[in-house]
């Protein structure tokens, strides 16, 4: 599964569960799935390079949501 397919699968899963797919969410999903990160803080700094409006709380909420949906695992360095 390539990067675009992973992004599409995560977005599809969010939509199926009734979540709105905003540009900011799409950006965060892409950033999270592109690389391995050891913390939400690293994701935050990577995402802020692309969008200065992304806040730390938004990153934490997205990571928690993806983990709750079992799409990522924090223990496994935030990988799908």
N, C-alpha and C. Protein backbone atom coordinates (compact mmCIF):
# COMPACT_ATOMS: atom_id res chain seq x y z
N UNK A 1 0.86 -1.17 0.00
CA UNK A 1 0.00 0.00 0.00
C UNK A 1 0.91 1.24 0.00
N UNK A 2 0.72 2.09 -0.98
CA UNK A 2 1.55 3.30 -1.05
C UNK A 2 0.95 4.40 -0.17
N UNK A 3 1.66 5.51 -0.11
CA UNK A 3 1.29 6.62 0.79
C UNK A 3 -0.11 7.16 0.49
N UNK A 4 -0.43 7.35 -0.78
CA UNK A 4 -1.76 7.89 -1.13
C UNK A 4 -2.86 6.93 -0.73
N UNK A 5 -2.63 5.64 -0.89
CA UNK A 5 -3.63 4.65 -0.50
C UNK A 5 -3.83 4.63 1.01
N UNK A 6 -2.73 4.77 1.77
CA UNK A 6 -2.84 4.83 3.23
C UNK A 6 -3.65 6.05 3.65
N UNK A 7 -3.33 7.20 3.06
CA UNK A 7 -4.07 8.43 3.37
C UNK A 7 -5.55 8.25 3.07
N UNK A 8 -5.84 7.71 1.89
CA UNK A 8 -7.23 7.52 1.47
C UNK A 8 -7.96 6.55 2.40
N UNK A 9 -7.28 5.51 2.85
CA UNK A 9 -7.89 4.53 3.75
C UNK A 9 -8.24 5.17 5.10
N UNK A 10 -7.34 5.99 5.62
CA UNK A 10 -7.59 6.66 6.90
C UNK A 10 -8.74 7.66 6.75
N UNK A 11 -8.74 8.42 5.68
CA UNK A 11 -9.81 9.40 5.44
C UNK A 11 -11.15 8.70 5.28
N UNK A 12 -11.16 7.59 4.55
CA UNK A 12 -12.40 6.83 4.36
C UNK A 12 -12.92 6.32 5.70
N UNK A 13 -12.03 5.83 6.56
CA UNK A 13 -12.42 5.33 7.86
C UNK A 13 -13.00 6.45 8.74
N UNK A 14 -12.38 7.62 8.69
CA UNK A 14 -12.90 8.76 9.44
C UNK A 14 -14.30 9.14 8.96
N UNK A 15 -14.47 9.20 7.64
CA UNK A 15 -15.79 9.54 7.07
C UNK A 15 -16.84 8.52 7.48
N UNK A 16 -16.47 7.25 7.44
CA UNK A 16 -17.40 6.18 7.82
C UNK A 16 -17.87 6.34 9.27
N UNK A 17 -17.03 6.92 10.08
CA UNK A 17 -17.35 7.11 11.49
C UNK A 17 -17.91 8.50 11.78
N UNK A 18 -18.25 9.23 10.74
CA UNK A 18 -18.95 10.49 10.90
C UNK A 18 -18.09 11.72 11.14
N UNK A 19 -16.79 11.62 10.92
CA UNK A 19 -15.91 12.77 11.13
C UNK A 19 -15.80 13.61 9.86
N UNK A 20 -15.81 14.93 10.05
CA UNK A 20 -15.60 15.84 8.92
C UNK A 20 -14.14 15.78 8.52
N UNK A 21 -13.90 15.87 7.23
CA UNK A 21 -12.53 15.83 6.73
C UNK A 21 -12.16 17.24 6.27
N UNK A 22 -11.46 17.94 7.13
CA UNK A 22 -11.03 19.30 6.83
C UNK A 22 -9.65 19.27 6.19
N UNK A 23 -9.26 20.39 5.61
CA UNK A 23 -7.93 20.49 5.01
C UNK A 23 -6.86 20.27 6.08
N UNK A 24 -7.10 20.77 7.27
CA UNK A 24 -6.14 20.61 8.36
C UNK A 24 -6.00 19.13 8.76
N UNK A 25 -7.12 18.42 8.81
CA UNK A 25 -7.06 16.99 9.13
C UNK A 25 -6.32 16.23 8.05
N UNK A 26 -6.61 16.54 6.80
CA UNK A 26 -5.91 15.88 5.69
C UNK A 26 -4.40 16.10 5.80
N UNK A 27 -4.03 17.32 6.09
CA UNK A 27 -2.61 17.67 6.21
C UNK A 27 -1.97 16.89 7.36
N UNK A 28 -2.62 16.84 8.50
CA UNK A 28 -2.09 16.12 9.64
C UNK A 28 -1.98 14.62 9.37
N UNK A 29 -2.97 14.06 8.73
CA UNK A 29 -2.93 12.63 8.39
C UNK A 29 -1.73 12.36 7.50
N UNK A 30 -1.54 13.19 6.49
CA UNK A 30 -0.41 13.01 5.58
C UNK A 30 0.91 13.11 6.33
N UNK A 31 1.04 14.13 7.17
CA UNK A 31 2.29 14.33 7.93
C UNK A 31 2.54 13.13 8.84
N UNK A 32 1.52 12.67 9.54
CA UNK A 32 1.66 11.55 10.47
C UNK A 32 2.08 10.28 9.74
N UNK A 33 1.49 10.04 8.58
CA UNK A 33 1.76 8.79 7.87
C UNK A 33 3.04 8.83 7.04
N UNK A 34 3.54 10.02 6.75
CA UNK A 34 4.75 10.13 5.92
C UNK A 34 6.01 9.67 6.62
N UNK A 35 6.14 9.91 7.90
CA UNK A 35 7.38 9.65 8.62
C UNK A 35 7.11 8.97 9.94
N UNK A 36 8.18 8.51 10.57
CA UNK A 36 8.08 7.99 11.93
C UNK A 36 8.38 9.13 12.89
N UNK A 37 7.55 9.23 13.92
CA UNK A 37 7.73 10.27 14.93
C UNK A 37 7.74 9.62 16.29
N UNK A 38 8.51 10.20 17.20
CA UNK A 38 8.56 9.65 18.55
C UNK A 38 7.66 10.40 19.51
N UNK A 39 7.06 11.50 19.05
CA UNK A 39 6.18 12.26 19.93
C UNK A 39 5.22 13.13 19.12
N UNK A 40 4.17 13.57 19.80
CA UNK A 40 3.23 14.50 19.18
C UNK A 40 3.92 15.83 18.90
N UNK A 41 4.88 16.16 19.71
CA UNK A 41 5.61 17.42 19.53
C UNK A 41 6.34 17.42 18.18
N UNK A 42 6.92 16.30 17.81
CA UNK A 42 7.59 16.20 16.50
C UNK A 42 6.59 16.36 15.36
N UNK A 43 5.43 15.75 15.52
CA UNK A 43 4.38 15.88 14.49
C UNK A 43 3.96 17.34 14.40
N UNK A 44 3.79 17.97 15.54
CA UNK A 44 3.41 19.38 15.59
C UNK A 44 4.39 20.25 14.82
N UNK A 45 5.69 20.09 15.08
CA UNK A 45 6.68 20.91 14.39
C UNK A 45 6.72 20.64 12.89
N UNK A 46 6.54 19.38 12.50
CA UNK A 46 6.52 19.04 11.07
C UNK A 46 5.28 19.66 10.40
N UNK A 47 4.14 19.59 11.06
CA UNK A 47 2.91 20.14 10.50
C UNK A 47 2.95 21.66 10.45
N UNK A 48 3.56 22.29 11.45
CA UNK A 48 3.64 23.76 11.48
C UNK A 48 4.49 24.31 10.34
N UNK A 49 5.40 23.51 9.81
CA UNK A 49 6.19 23.96 8.67
C UNK A 49 5.30 24.19 7.46
N UNK A 50 4.18 23.46 7.40
CA UNK A 50 3.25 23.58 6.27
C UNK A 50 2.08 24.50 6.57
N UNK A 51 1.68 24.56 7.82
CA UNK A 51 0.51 25.35 8.19
C UNK A 51 0.69 25.93 9.59
N UNK A 52 0.94 27.22 9.66
CA UNK A 52 1.19 27.90 10.93
C UNK A 52 -0.04 27.91 11.84
N UNK A 53 -1.21 27.61 11.30
CA UNK A 53 -2.44 27.66 12.09
C UNK A 53 -2.68 26.39 12.90
N UNK A 54 -1.94 25.33 12.61
CA UNK A 54 -2.13 24.07 13.35
C UNK A 54 -1.60 24.23 14.77
N UNK A 55 -2.44 23.88 15.72
CA UNK A 55 -2.06 23.99 17.13
C UNK A 55 -1.69 22.65 17.73
N UNK A 56 -0.99 22.70 18.83
CA UNK A 56 -0.58 21.48 19.52
C UNK A 56 -1.78 20.64 19.94
N UNK A 57 -2.84 21.29 20.43
CA UNK A 57 -4.04 20.56 20.85
C UNK A 57 -4.66 19.81 19.68
N UNK A 58 -4.64 20.40 18.50
CA UNK A 58 -5.18 19.76 17.31
C UNK A 58 -4.40 18.49 17.00
N UNK A 59 -3.09 18.56 17.12
CA UNK A 59 -2.24 17.39 16.87
C UNK A 59 -2.56 16.30 17.88
N UNK A 60 -2.62 16.65 19.16
CA UNK A 60 -2.92 15.66 20.19
C UNK A 60 -4.29 15.01 19.95
N UNK A 61 -5.29 15.82 19.62
CA UNK A 61 -6.62 15.27 19.37
C UNK A 61 -6.62 14.33 18.17
N UNK A 62 -5.91 14.70 17.10
CA UNK A 62 -5.87 13.85 15.91
C UNK A 62 -5.15 12.54 16.20
N UNK A 63 -4.03 12.60 16.89
CA UNK A 63 -3.29 11.39 17.23
C UNK A 63 -4.17 10.49 18.11
N UNK A 64 -4.86 11.08 19.09
CA UNK A 64 -5.73 10.30 19.97
C UNK A 64 -6.87 9.67 19.18
N UNK A 65 -7.47 10.42 18.28
CA UNK A 65 -8.56 9.91 17.45
C UNK A 65 -8.08 8.73 16.60
N UNK A 66 -6.94 8.90 15.94
CA UNK A 66 -6.41 7.83 15.09
C UNK A 66 -6.04 6.60 15.92
N UNK A 67 -5.54 6.83 17.11
CA UNK A 67 -5.21 5.70 17.99
C UNK A 67 -6.49 5.00 18.47
N UNK A 68 -7.49 5.77 18.86
CA UNK A 68 -8.76 5.19 19.31
C UNK A 68 -9.42 4.35 18.22
N UNK A 69 -9.22 4.77 16.98
CA UNK A 69 -9.78 4.03 15.84
C UNK A 69 -8.84 2.91 15.38
N UNK A 70 -7.75 2.73 16.11
CA UNK A 70 -6.76 1.69 15.83
C UNK A 70 -6.14 1.83 14.45
N UNK A 71 -5.95 3.08 14.02
CA UNK A 71 -5.31 3.35 12.74
C UNK A 71 -3.81 3.60 12.91
N UNK A 72 -3.42 4.00 14.13
CA UNK A 72 -2.01 4.13 14.47
C UNK A 72 -1.84 3.62 15.90
N UNK A 73 -0.58 3.40 16.27
CA UNK A 73 -0.27 2.96 17.63
C UNK A 73 0.87 3.80 18.15
N UNK A 74 0.62 4.56 19.19
CA UNK A 74 1.66 5.44 19.75
C UNK A 74 2.88 4.64 20.18
N UNK A 75 2.66 3.46 20.73
CA UNK A 75 3.78 2.65 21.21
C UNK A 75 4.71 2.23 20.08
N UNK A 76 4.19 2.18 18.89
CA UNK A 76 4.99 1.76 17.74
C UNK A 76 5.46 2.96 16.94
N UNK A 77 5.82 4.01 17.62
CA UNK A 77 6.38 5.23 17.03
C UNK A 77 5.43 5.83 15.99
N UNK A 78 4.16 5.85 16.34
CA UNK A 78 3.15 6.51 15.52
C UNK A 78 3.19 6.08 14.06
N UNK A 79 3.15 4.80 13.83
CA UNK A 79 3.11 4.27 12.45
C UNK A 79 1.79 3.58 12.22
N UNK A 80 1.32 3.60 10.99
CA UNK A 80 0.10 2.92 10.60
C UNK A 80 0.40 1.44 10.53
